Amino acid sequence: MAIGRKGSRRIVVDGTTYRWRLRRRPTYDQALCDRPCTYAVHHADSPGTTLVVTTNQPHASNWLGAPSAAVLPSDVSAAITLALARGWHPTRPGPSFHLDQSDGFLHLQPRA
């Protein structure tokens, strides 16, 4: 599945161009801080397998007002480098490659 140009950002890692996208609105579970924020990455010129990165932060637009950190291009670059080292082949077709970086994510309980 390719990521559309609209709403995605371009990033170059080791001379290769990728596109990445973070959902503007959180999923229901992300809004309740039950699941961490995720974003997707694919090769810009010949998209194949999509990289799905799970962070250890709540989505910035969560409904509980939990503090979160922005996903920075340096975070995306580091995730791409790590995924490539772990066997992600961005130009080959296939199922999504999941990179779980959610260690330390705390599920928040809604306030009564």
PDB file of N, CA and C in Angstrom:
ATOM      1  N   MET A   1       0.843  -1.166   0.000  1.00  0.00           N
ATOM      2  CA  MET A   1       0.000   0.000   0.000  1.00  0.00           C
ATOM      3  C   MET A   1       0.893   1.236   0.000  1.00  0.00           C
ATOM      4  N   ALA A   2       0.649   2.132  -0.921  1.00  0.00           N
ATOM      5  CA  ALA A   2       1.446   3.343  -1.025  1.00  0.00           C
ATOM      6  C   ALA A   2       0.824   4.464  -0.207  1.00  0.00           C
ATOM      7  N   ILE A   3       1.663   5.331   0.278  1.00  0.00           N
ATOM      8  CA  ILE A   3       1.222   6.507   1.023  1.00  0.00           C
ATOM      9  C   ILE A   3       1.067   7.634   0.011  1.00  0.00           C
ATOM     10  N   GLY A   4      -0.060   8.298   0.014  1.00  0.00           N
ATOM     11  CA  GLY A   4      -0.278   9.392  -0.924  1.00  0.00           C
ATOM     12  C   GLY A   4       0.624  10.578  -0.630  1.00  0.00           C
ATOM     13  N   ARG A   5       0.821  11.404  -1.609  1.00  0.00           N
ATOM     14  CA  ARG A   5       1.675  12.579  -1.426  1.00  0.00           C
ATOM     15  C   ARG A   5       1.038  13.594  -0.496  1.00  0.00           C
ATOM     16  N   LYS A   6      -0.289  13.725  -0.591  1.00  0.00           N
ATOM     17  CA  LYS A   6      -0.986  14.700   0.246  1.00  0.00           C
ATOM     18  C   LYS A   6      -0.925  14.255   1.708  1.00  0.00           C
ATOM     19  N   GLY A   7      -0.406  15.114   2.559  1.00  0.00           N
ATOM     20  CA  GLY A   7      -0.322  14.815   3.976  1.00  0.00           C
ATOM     21  C   GLY A   7       0.914  14.038   4.390  1.00  0.00           C
ATOM     22  N   SER A   8       1.745  13.665   3.420  1.00  0.00           N
ATOM     23  CA  SER A   8       2.967  12.938   3.773  1.00  0.00           C
ATOM     24  C   SER A   8       4.173  13.861   3.649  1.00  0.00           C
ATOM     25  N   ARG A   9       5.256  13.434   4.269  1.00  0.00           N
ATOM     26  CA  ARG A   9       6.490  14.215   4.238  1.00  0.00           C
ATOM     27  C   ARG A   9       7.596  13.408   3.586  1.00  0.00           C
ATOM     28  N   ARG A  10       8.490  14.103   2.938  1.00  0.00           N
ATOM     29  CA  ARG A  10       9.622  13.483   2.261  1.00  0.00           C
ATOM     30  C   ARG A  10      10.813  13.474   3.205  1.00  0.00           C
ATOM     31  N   ILE A  11      11.580  12.376   3.175  1.00  0.00           N
ATOM     32  CA  ILE A  11      12.794  12.290   3.973  1.00  0.00           C
ATOM     33  C   ILE A  11      13.824  11.495   3.182  1.00  0.00           C
ATOM     34  N   VAL A  12      15.075  11.901   3.266  1.00  0.00           N
ATOM     35  CA  VAL A  12      16.165  11.196   2.588  1.00  0.00           C
ATOM     36  C   VAL A  12      17.058  10.578   3.654  1.00  0.00           C
ATOM     37  N   VAL A  13      17.264   9.266   3.544  1.00  0.00           N
ATOM     38  CA  VAL A  13      18.114   8.527   4.480  1.00  0.00           C
ATOM     39  C   VAL A  13      19.141   7.763   3.659  1.00  0.00           C
ATOM     40  N   ASP A  14      20.401   8.054   3.888  1.00  0.00           N
ATOM     41  CA  ASP A  14      21.509   7.410   3.162  1.00  0.00           C
ATOM     42  C   ASP A  14      21.325   7.487   1.647  1.00  0.00           C
ATOM     43  N   GLY A  15      20.866   8.626   1.158  1.00  0.00           N
ATOM     44  CA  GLY A  15      20.726   8.839  -0.281  1.00  0.00           C
ATOM     45  C   GLY A  15      19.454   8.278  -0.892  1.00  0.00           C
ATOM     46  N   THR A  16      18.592   7.648  -0.120  1.00  0.00           N
ATOM     47  CA  THR A  16      17.345   7.083  -0.622  1.00  0.00           C
ATOM     48  C   THR A  16      16.181   7.924  -0.105  1.00  0.00           C
ATOM     49  N   THR A  17      15.249   8.221  -0.990  1.00  0.00           N
ATOM     50  CA  THR A  17      14.104   9.057  -0.631  1.00  0.00           C
ATOM     51  C   THR A  17      12.924   8.186  -0.206  1.00  0.00           C
ATOM     52  N   TYR A  18      12.339   8.562   0.914  1.00  0.00           N
ATOM     53  CA  TYR A  18      11.164   7.888   1.461  1.00  0.00           C
ATOM     54  C   TYR A  18      10.080   8.934   1.692  1.00  0.00           C
ATOM     55  N   ARG A  19       8.841   8.454   1.871  1.00  0.00           N
ATOM     56  CA  ARG A  19       7.735   9.308   2.282  1.00  0.00           C
ATOM     57  C   ARG A  19       7.177   8.727   3.568  1.00  0.00           C
ATOM     58  N   TRP A  20       6.803   9.594   4.513  1.00  0.00           N
ATOM     59  CA  TRP A  20       6.248   9.126   5.772  1.00  0.00           C
ATOM     60  C   TRP A  20       5.034   9.962   6.145  1.00  0.00           C
ATOM     61  N   ARG A  21       4.143   9.328   6.899  1.00  0.00           N
ATOM     62  CA  ARG A  21       2.903   9.994   7.265  1.00  0.00           C
ATOM     63  C   ARG A  21       2.447   9.572   8.650  1.00  0.00           C
ATOM     64  N   LEU A  22       2.018  10.545   9.409  1.00  0.00           N
ATOM     65  CA  LEU A  22       1.435  10.346  10.731  1.00  0.00           C
ATOM     66  C   LEU A  22      -0.033  10.757  10.622  1.00  0.00           C
ATOM     67  N   ARG A  23      -0.941   9.927  11.151  1.00  0.00           N
ATOM     68  CA  ARG A  23      -2.365  10.272  11.102  1.00  0.00           C
ATOM     69  C   ARG A  23      -2.606  11.586  11.839  1.00  0.00           C
ATOM     70  N   ARG A  24      -3.380  12.473  11.241  1.00  0.00           N
ATOM     71  CA  ARG A  24      -3.726  13.736  11.899  1.00  0.00           C
ATOM     72  C   ARG A  24      -4.600  13.485  13.117  1.00  0.00           C
ATOM     73  N   ARG A  25      -5.606  12.653  12.936  1.00  0.00           N
ATOM     74  CA  ARG A  25      -6.518  12.337  14.028  1.00  0.00           C
ATOM     75  C   ARG A  25      -6.179  10.954  14.566  1.00  0.00           C
ATOM     76  N   PRO A  26      -6.189  10.805  15.861  1.00  0.00           N
ATOM     77  CA  PRO A  26      -5.854   9.500  16.437  1.00  0.00           C
ATOM     78  C   PRO A  26      -6.978   8.486  16.220  1.00  0.00           C
ATOM     79  N   THR A  27      -6.621   7.218  16.234  1.00  0.00           N
ATOM     80  CA  THR A  27      -7.654   6.184  16.262  1.00  0.00           C
ATOM     81  C   THR A  27      -8.346   6.275  17.622  1.00  0.00           C
ATOM     82  N   TYR A  28      -9.448   5.578  17.792  1.00  0.00           N
ATOM     83  CA  TYR A  28     -10.177   5.632  19.060  1.00  0.00           C
ATOM     84  C   TYR A  28      -9.272   5.199  20.221  1.00  0.00           C
ATOM     85  N   ASP A  29      -8.541   4.082  20.047  1.00  0.00           N
ATOM     86  CA  ASP A  29      -7.654   3.590  21.105  1.00  0.00           C
ATOM     87  C   ASP A  29      -6.506   4.556  21.383  1.00  0.00           C
ATOM     88  N   GLN A  30      -6.000   5.201  20.340  1.00  0.00           N
ATOM     89  CA  GLN A  30      -4.942   6.195  20.534  1.00  0.00           C
ATOM     90  C   GLN A  30      -5.484   7.428  21.245  1.00  0.00           C
ATOM     91  N   ALA A  31      -6.717   7.811  20.950  1.00  0.00           N
ATOM     92  CA  ALA A  31      -7.321   8.981  21.584  1.00  0.00           C
ATOM     93  C   ALA A  31      -7.501   8.770  23.079  1.00  0.00           C
ATOM     94  N   LEU A  32      -7.730   7.519  23.475  1.00  0.00           N
ATOM     95  CA  LEU A  32      -7.895   7.186  24.890  1.00  0.00           C
ATOM     96  C   LEU A  32      -6.578   6.788  25.558  1.00  0.00           C
ATOM     97  N   CYS A  33      -5.485   6.951  24.849  1.00  0.00           N
ATOM     98  CA  CYS A  33      -4.143   6.606  25.340  1.00  0.00           C
ATOM     99  C   CYS A  33      -4.021   5.125  25.683  1.00  0.00           C
ATOM    100  N   ASP A  34      -4.793   4.299  25.010  1.00  0.00           N
ATOM    101  CA  ASP A  34      -4.690   2.856  25.207  1.00  0.00           C
ATOM    102  C   ASP A  34      -3.646   2.263  24.266  1.00  0.00           C
ATOM    103  N   ARG A  35      -3.409   2.900  23.143  1.00  0.00           N
ATOM    104  CA  ARG A  35      -2.402   2.471  22.173  1.00  0.00           C
ATOM    105  C   ARG A  35      -1.493   3.650  21.848  1.00  0.00           C
ATOM    106  N   PRO A  36      -0.224   3.369  21.586  1.00  0.00           N
ATOM    107  CA  PRO A  36       0.704   4.459  21.252  1.00  0.00           C
ATOM    108  C   PRO A  36       0.521   4.958  19.815  1.00  0.00           C
ATOM    109  N   CYS A  37       1.131   6.064  19.548  1.00  0.00           N
ATOM    110  CA  CYS A  37       1.115   6.694  18.232  1.00  0.00           C
ATOM    111  C   CYS A  37       1.888   5.830  17.230  1.00  0.00           C
ATOM    112  N   THR A  38       1.408   5.766  15.998  1.00  0.00           N
ATOM    113  CA  THR A  38       2.099   5.033  14.938  1.00  0.00           C
ATOM    114  C   THR A  38       2.225   5.936  13.706  1.00  0.00           C
ATOM    115  N   TYR A  39       3.183   5.605  12.859  1.00  0.00           N
ATOM    116  CA  TYR A  39       3.306   6.285  11.579  1.00  0.00           C
ATOM    117  C   TYR A  39       3.804   5.292  10.537  1.00  0.00           C
ATOM    118  N   ALA A  40       3.612   5.635   9.265  1.00  0.00           N
ATOM    119  CA  ALA A  40       3.959   4.735   8.160  1.00  0.00           C
ATOM    120  C   ALA A  40       5.026   5.372   7.278  1.00  0.00           C
ATOM    121  N   VAL A  41       5.859   4.517   6.698  1.00  0.00           N
ATOM    122  CA  VAL A  41       6.946   4.961   5.821  1.00  0.00           C
ATOM    123  C   VAL A  41       6.981   4.047   4.605  1.00  0.00           C
ATOM    124  N   HIS A  42       7.264   4.599   3.429  1.00  0.00           N
ATOM    125  CA  HIS A  42       7.506   3.760   2.255  1.00  0.00           C
ATOM    126  C   HIS A  42       8.524   4.423   1.342  1.00  0.00           C
ATOM    127  N   HIS A  43       9.075   3.639   0.439  1.00  0.00           N
ATOM    128  CA  HIS A  43      10.044   4.126  -0.545  1.00  0.00           C
ATOM    129  C   HIS A  43       9.309   5.084  -1.478  1.00  0.00           C
ATOM    130  N   ALA A  44       9.890   6.235  -1.759  1.00  0.00           N
ATOM    131  CA  ALA A  44       9.200   7.264  -2.539  1.00  0.00           C
ATOM    132  C   ALA A  44       9.047   6.916  -4.013  1.00  0.00           C
ATOM    133  N   ASP A  45      10.052   6.287  -4.608  1.00  0.00           N
ATOM    134  CA  ASP A  45      10.039   6.054  -6.051  1.00  0.00           C
ATOM    135  C   ASP A  45       9.395   4.731  -6.459  1.00  0.00           C
ATOM    136  N   SER A  46       9.625   3.691  -5.698  1.00  0.00           N
ATOM    137  CA  SER A  46       9.039   2.389  -6.028  1.00  0.00           C
ATOM    138  C   SER A  46       8.519   1.736  -4.752  1.00  0.00           C
ATOM    139  N   PRO A  47       7.360   2.206  -4.271  1.00  0.00           N
ATOM    140  CA  PRO A  47       6.833   1.684  -3.013  1.00  0.00           C
ATOM    141  C   PRO A  47       6.519   0.203  -3.097  1.00  0.00           C
ATOM    142  N   GLY A  48       6.936  -0.501  -2.073  1.00  0.00           N
ATOM    143  CA  GLY A  48       6.657  -1.929  -1.960  1.00  0.00           C
ATOM    144  C   GLY A  48       6.080  -2.177  -0.585  1.00  0.00           C
ATOM    145  N   THR A  49       6.892  -2.722   0.297  1.00  0.00           N
ATOM    146  CA  THR A  49       6.460  -2.994   1.658  1.00  0.00           C
ATOM    147  C   THR A  49       6.449  -1.708   2.474  1.00  0.00           C
ATOM    148  N   THR A  50       5.356  -1.474   3.177  1.00  0.00           N
ATOM    149  CA  THR A  50       5.232  -0.297   4.036  1.00  0.00           C
ATOM    150  C   THR A  50       5.787  -0.610   5.418  1.00  0.00           C
ATOM    151  N   LEU A  51       6.559   0.310   5.954  1.00  0.00           N
ATOM    152  CA  LEU A  51       7.073   0.202   7.311  1.00  0.00           C
ATOM    153  C   LEU A  51       6.071   0.885   8.239  1.00  0.00           C
ATOM    154  N   VAL A  52       5.609   0.179   9.266  1.00  0.00           N
ATOM    155  CA  VAL A  52       4.699   0.743  10.263  1.00  0.00           C
ATOM    156  C   VAL A  52       5.464   0.806  11.580  1.00  0.00           C
ATOM    157  N   VAL A  53       5.678   2.013  12.081  1.00  0.00           N
ATOM    158  CA  VAL A  53       6.463   2.228  13.298  1.00  0.00           C
ATOM    159  C   VAL A  53       5.518   2.576  14.450  1.00  0.00           C
ATOM    160  N   THR A  54       5.625   1.823  15.536  1.00  0.00           N
ATOM    161  CA  THR A  54       4.868   2.104  16.751  1.00  0.00           C
ATOM    162  C   THR A  54       5.802   2.797  17.727  1.00  0.00           C
ATOM    163  N   THR A  55       5.438   4.004  18.137  1.00  0.00           N
ATOM    164  CA  THR A  55       6.280   4.783  19.041  1.00  0.00           C
ATOM    165  C   THR A  55       5.951   4.433  20.491  1.00  0.00           C
ATOM    166  N   ASN A  56       6.632   5.086  21.414  1.00  0.00           N
ATOM    167  CA  ASN A  56       6.331   4.881  22.833  1.00  0.00           C
ATOM    168  C   ASN A  56       5.630   6.102  23.433  1.00  0.00           C
ATOM    169  N   GLN A  57       5.029   6.928  22.570  1.00  0.00           N
ATOM    170  CA  GLN A  57       4.354   8.158  22.995  1.00  0.00           C
ATOM    171  C   GLN A  57       2.868   8.101  22.659  1.00  0.00           C
ATOM    172  N   PRO A  58       2.032   8.767  23.447  1.00  0.00           N
ATOM    173  CA  PRO A  58       0.630   8.897  23.052  1.00  0.00           C
ATOM    174  C   PRO A  58       0.525   9.801  21.827  1.00  0.00           C
ATOM    175  N   HIS A  59      -0.566   9.676  21.087  1.00  0.00           N
ATOM    176  CA  HIS A  59      -0.816  10.559  19.946  1.00  0.00           C
ATOM    177  C   HIS A  59      -0.975  11.978  20.483  1.00  0.00           C
ATOM    178  N   ALA A  60      -0.459  12.951  19.767  1.00  0.00           N
ATOM    179  CA  ALA A  60      -0.501  14.339  20.231  1.00  0.00           C
ATOM    180  C   ALA A  60      -1.932  14.859  20.393  1.00  0.00           C
ATOM    181  N   SER A  61      -2.880  14.304  19.653  1.00  0.00           N
ATOM    182  CA  SER A  61      -4.273  14.750  19.737  1.00  0.00           C
ATOM    183  C   SER A  61      -5.119  13.834  20.612  1.00  0.00           C
ATOM    184  N   ASN A  62      -4.518  13.234  21.627  1.00  0.00           N
ATOM    185  CA  ASN A  62      -5.292  12.343  22.499  1.00  0.00           C
ATOM    186  C   ASN A  62      -6.318  13.145  23.288  1.00  0.00           C
ATOM    187  N   TRP A  63      -7.390  12.473  23.683  1.00  0.00           N
ATOM    188  CA  TRP A  63      -8.511  13.138  24.353  1.00  0.00           C
ATOM    189  C   TRP A  63      -8.262  13.385  25.836  1.00  0.00           C
ATOM    190  N   LEU A  64      -7.256  12.759  26.402  1.00  0.00           N
ATOM    191  CA  LEU A  64      -7.025  12.881  27.840  1.00  0.00           C
ATOM    192  C   LEU A  64      -6.032  13.984  28.190  1.00  0.00           C
ATOM    193  N   GLY A  65      -5.469  14.622  27.191  1.00  0.00           N
ATOM    194  CA  GLY A  65      -4.496  15.677  27.440  1.00  0.00           C
ATOM    195  C   GLY A  65      -3.158  15.161  27.930  1.00  0.00           C
ATOM    196  N   ALA A  66      -2.880  13.890  27.667  1.00  0.00           N
ATOM    197  CA  ALA A  66      -1.603  13.310  28.089  1.00  0.00           C
ATOM    198  C   ALA A  66      -0.461  13.951  27.307  1.00  0.00           C
ATOM    199  N   PRO A  67       0.627  14.263  27.982  1.00  0.00           N
ATOM    200  CA  PRO A  67       1.754  14.866  27.267  1.00  0.00           C
ATOM    201  C   PRO A  67       2.370  13.879  26.282  1.00  0.00           C
ATOM    202  N   SER A  68       2.763  14.401  25.138  1.00  0.00           N
ATOM    203  CA  SER A  68       3.385  13.558  24.122  1.00  0.00           C
ATOM    204  C   SER A  68       4.476  14.361  23.426  1.00  0.00           C
ATOM    205  N   ALA A  69       5.390  13.654  22.821  1.00  0.00           N
ATOM    206  CA  ALA A  69       6.460  14.303  22.073  1.00  0.00           C
ATOM    207  C   ALA A  69       6.145  14.226  20.585  1.00  0.00           C
ATOM    208  N   ALA A  70       6.555  15.226  19.850  1.00  0.00           N
ATOM    209  CA  ALA A  70       6.346  15.230  18.409  1.00  0.00           C
ATOM    210  C   ALA A  70       7.227  14.166  17.757  1.00  0.00           C
ATOM    211  N   VAL A  71       6.750  13.613  16.652  1.00  0.00           N
ATOM    212  CA  VAL A  71       7.570  12.699  15.860  1.00  0.00           C
ATOM    213  C   VAL A  71       8.443  13.572  14.964  1.00  0.00           C
ATOM    214  N   LEU A  72       9.727  13.530  15.202  1.00  0.00           N
ATOM    215  CA  LEU A  72      10.672  14.364  14.472  1.00  0.00           C
ATOM    216  C   LEU A  72      11.265  13.612  13.283  1.00  0.00           C
ATOM    217  N   PRO A  73      11.701  14.328  12.256  1.00  0.00           N
ATOM    218  CA  PRO A  73      12.376  13.671  11.141  1.00  0.00           C
ATOM    219  C   PRO A  73      13.577  12.825  11.593  1.00  0.00           C
ATOM    220  N   SER A  74      14.268  13.254  12.636  1.00  0.00           N
ATOM    221  CA  SER A  74      15.395  12.454  13.134  1.00  0.00           C
ATOM    222  C   SER A  74      14.908  11.118  13.704  1.00  0.00           C
ATOM    223  N   ASP A  75      13.713  11.096  14.313  1.00  0.00           N
ATOM    224  CA  ASP A  75      13.122   9.845  14.801  1.00  0.00           C
ATOM    225  C   ASP A  75      12.787   8.919  13.635  1.00  0.00           C
ATOM    226  N   VAL A  76      12.218   9.500  12.588  1.00  0.00           N
ATOM    227  CA  VAL A  76      11.846   8.722  11.408  1.00  0.00           C
ATOM    228  C   VAL A  76      13.095   8.154  10.743  1.00  0.00           C
ATOM    229  N   SER A  77      14.123   8.971  10.613  1.00  0.00           N
ATOM    230  CA  SER A  77      15.381   8.522  10.014  1.00  0.00           C
ATOM    231  C   SER A  77      15.987   7.366  10.806  1.00  0.00           C
ATOM    232  N   ALA A  78      15.998   7.488  12.129  1.00  0.00           N
ATOM    233  CA  ALA A  78      16.543   6.414  12.977  1.00  0.00           C
ATOM    234  C   ALA A  78      15.706   5.140  12.844  1.00  0.00           C
ATOM    235  N   ALA A  79      14.391   5.275  12.753  1.00  0.00           N
ATOM    236  CA  ALA A  79      13.520   4.104  12.606  1.00  0.00           C
ATOM    237  C   ALA A  79      13.757   3.415  11.264  1.00  0.00           C
ATOM    238  N   ILE A  80      13.933   4.195  10.209  1.00  0.00           N
ATOM    239  CA  ILE A  80      14.205   3.623   8.890  1.00  0.00           C
ATOM    240  C   ILE A  80      15.523   2.851   8.915  1.00  0.00           C
ATOM    241  N   THR A  81      16.552   3.455   9.476  1.00  0.00           N
ATOM    242  CA  THR A  81      17.859   2.801   9.560  1.00  0.00           C
ATOM    243  C   THR A  81      17.764   1.500  10.348  1.00  0.00           C
ATOM    244  N   LEU A  82      17.055   1.508  11.466  1.00  0.00           N
ATOM    245  CA  LEU A  82      16.885   0.304  12.283  1.00  0.00           C
ATOM    246  C   LEU A  82      16.082  -0.760  11.541  1.00  0.00           C
ATOM    247  N   ALA A  83      15.010  -0.355  10.874  1.00  0.00           N
ATOM    248  CA  ALA A  83      14.191  -1.314  10.125  1.00  0.00           C
ATOM    249  C   ALA A  83      14.984  -1.956   8.992  1.00  0.00           C
ATOM    250  N   LEU A  84      15.792  -1.176   8.310  1.00  0.00           N
ATOM    251  CA  LEU A  84      16.635  -1.735   7.241  1.00  0.00           C
ATOM    252  C   LEU A  84      17.615  -2.759   7.808  1.00  0.00           C
ATOM    253  N   ALA A  85      18.169  -2.457   8.972  1.00  0.00           N
ATOM    254  CA  ALA A  85      19.101  -3.389   9.618  1.00  0.00           C
ATOM    255  C   ALA A  85      18.392  -4.667  10.063  1.00  0.00           C
ATOM    256  N   ARG A  86      17.100  -4.559  10.355  1.00  0.00           N
ATOM    257  CA  ARG A  86      16.322  -5.727  10.804  1.00  0.00           C
ATOM    258  C   ARG A  86      15.636  -6.476   9.666  1.00  0.00           C
ATOM    259  N   GLY A  87      15.914  -6.067   8.425  1.00  0.00           N
ATOM    260  CA  GLY A  87      15.423  -6.841   7.300  1.00  0.00           C
ATOM    261  C   GLY A  87      14.297  -6.247   6.487  1.00  0.00           C
ATOM    262  N   TRP A  88      13.968  -4.991   6.677  1.00  0.00           N
ATOM    263  CA  TRP A  88      12.928  -4.361   5.863  1.00  0.00           C
ATOM    264  C   TRP A  88      13.474  -4.114   4.467  1.00  0.00           C
ATOM    265  N   HIS A  89      12.728  -4.542   3.456  1.00  0.00           N
ATOM    266  CA  HIS A  89      13.089  -4.310   2.053  1.00  0.00           C
ATOM    267  C   HIS A  89      12.002  -3.427   1.449  1.00  0.00           C
ATOM    268  N   PRO A  90      12.205  -2.119   1.422  1.00  0.00           N
ATOM    269  CA  PRO A  90      11.136  -1.192   1.054  1.00  0.00           C
ATOM    270  C   PRO A  90      10.648  -1.270  -0.390  1.00  0.00           C
ATOM    271  N   THR A  91      11.433  -1.837  -1.298  1.00  0.00           N
ATOM    272  CA  THR A  91      10.998  -1.892  -2.697  1.00  0.00           C
ATOM    273  C   THR A  91      10.368  -3.228  -3.069  1.00  0.00           C
ATOM    274  N   ARG A  92      10.446  -4.209  -2.182  1.00  0.00           N
ATOM    275  CA  ARG A  92       9.832  -5.515  -2.460  1.00  0.00           C
ATOM    276  C   ARG A  92       8.366  -5.512  -2.044  1.00  0.00           C
ATOM    277  N   PRO A  93       7.504  -6.110  -2.851  1.00  0.00           N
ATOM    278  CA  PRO A  93       6.108  -6.211  -2.438  1.00  0.00           C
ATOM    279  C   PRO A  93       5.966  -7.203  -1.285  1.00  0.00           C
ATOM    280  N   GLY A  94       4.937  -7.006  -0.497  1.00  0.00           N
ATOM    281  CA  GLY A  94       4.700  -7.913   0.619  1.00  0.00           C
ATOM    282  C   GLY A  94       3.909  -7.244   1.714  1.00  0.00           C
ATOM    283  N   PRO A  95       3.703  -7.967   2.806  1.00  0.00           N
ATOM    284  CA  PRO A  95       2.940  -7.401   3.924  1.00  0.00           C
ATOM    285  C   PRO A  95       3.741  -6.305   4.633  1.00  0.00           C
ATOM    286  N   SER A  96       3.051  -5.515   5.410  1.00  0.00           N
ATOM    287  CA  SER A  96       3.688  -4.434   6.169  1.00  0.00           C
ATOM    288  C   SER A  96       4.779  -4.981   7.084  1.00  0.00           C
ATOM    289  N   PHE A  97       5.834  -4.199   7.247  1.00  0.00           N
ATOM    290  CA  PHE A  97       6.917  -4.527   8.163  1.00  0.00           C
ATOM    291  C   PHE A  97       6.691  -3.684   9.415  1.00  0.00           C
ATOM    292  N   HIS A  98       6.521  -4.329  10.551  1.00  0.00           N
ATOM    293  CA  HIS A  98       6.223  -3.615  11.791  1.00  0.00           C
ATOM    294  C   HIS A  98       7.488  -3.447  12.641  1.00  0.00           C
ATOM    295  N   LEU A  99       7.730  -2.228  13.063  1.00  0.00           N
ATOM    296  CA  LEU A  99       8.839  -1.915  13.950  1.00  0.00           C
ATOM    297  C   LEU A  99       8.236  -1.384  15.246  1.00  0.00           C
ATOM    298  N   ASP A 100       8.330  -2.172  16.295  1.00  0.00           N
ATOM    299  CA  ASP A 100       7.720  -1.826  17.572  1.00  0.00           C
ATOM    300  C   ASP A 100       8.742  -1.158  18.477  1.00  0.00           C
ATOM    301  N   GLN A 101       8.549   0.120  18.731  1.00  0.00           N
ATOM    302  CA  GLN A 101       9.411   0.889  19.625  1.00  0.00           C
ATOM    303  C   GLN A 101       8.597   1.392  20.817  1.00  0.00           C
ATOM    304  N   SER A 102       7.615   0.592  21.232  1.00  0.00           N
ATOM    305  CA  SER A 102       6.681   1.038  22.269  1.00  0.00           C
ATOM    306  C   SER A 102       7.121   0.718  23.691  1.00  0.00           C
ATOM    307  N   ASP A 103       8.342   0.219  23.879  1.00  0.00           N
ATOM    308  CA  ASP A 103       8.811  -0.035  25.239  1.00  0.00           C
ATOM    309  C   ASP A 103       8.725   1.250  26.057  1.00  0.00           C
ATOM    310  N   GLY A 104       8.124   1.156  27.214  1.00  0.00           N
ATOM    311  CA  GLY A 104       7.993   2.315  28.085  1.00  0.00           C
ATOM    312  C   GLY A 104       6.692   3.062  27.925  1.00  0.00           C
ATOM    313  N   PHE A 105       5.825   2.631  26.978  1.00  0.00           N
ATOM    314  CA  PHE A 105       4.540   3.307  26.818  1.00  0.00           C
ATOM    315  C   PHE A 105       3.635   2.970  27.992  1.00  0.00           C
ATOM    316  N   LEU A 106       3.068   3.991  28.621  1.00  0.00           N
ATOM    317  CA  LEU A 106       2.181   3.791  29.766  1.00  0.00           C
ATOM    318  C   LEU A 106       0.743   3.996  29.337  1.00  0.00           C
ATOM    319  N   HIS A 107      -0.089   2.972  29.553  1.00  0.00           N
ATOM    320  CA  HIS A 107      -1.518   3.094  29.256  1.00  0.00           C
ATOM    321  C   HIS A 107      -2.128   3.970  30.342  1.00  0.00           C
ATOM    322  N   LEU A 108      -2.811   4.992  29.940  1.00  0.00           N
ATOM    323  CA  LEU A 108      -3.415   5.901  30.908  1.00  0.00           C
ATOM    324  C   LEU A 108      -4.876   5.522  31.162  1.00  0.00           C
ATOM    325  N   GLN A 109      -5.277   5.648  32.381  1.00  0.00           N
ATOM    326  CA  GLN A 109      -6.659   5.391  32.746  1.00  0.00           C
ATOM    327  C   GLN A 109      -7.416   6.724  32.695  1.00  0.00           C
ATOM    328  N   PRO A 110      -8.618   6.732  32.117  1.00  0.00           N
ATOM    329  CA  PRO A 110      -9.386   7.980  32.079  1.00  0.00           C
ATOM    330  C   PRO A 110      -9.712   8.476  33.481  1.00  0.00           C
ATOM    331  N   ARG A 111      -9.714   9.779  33.623  1.00  0.00           N
ATOM    332  CA  ARG A 111     -10.065  10.389  34.906  1.00  0.00           C
ATOM    333  C   ARG A 111     -11.571  10.352  35.108  1.00  0.00           C
ATOM    334  N   ALA A 112     -12.016  10.098  36.333  1.00  0.00           N
ATOM    335  CA  ALA A 112     -13.459  10.047  36.607  1.00  0.00           C
ATOM    336  C   ALA A 112     -14.002  11.412  36.934  1.00  0.00           C
TER     337      ALA A 112
END
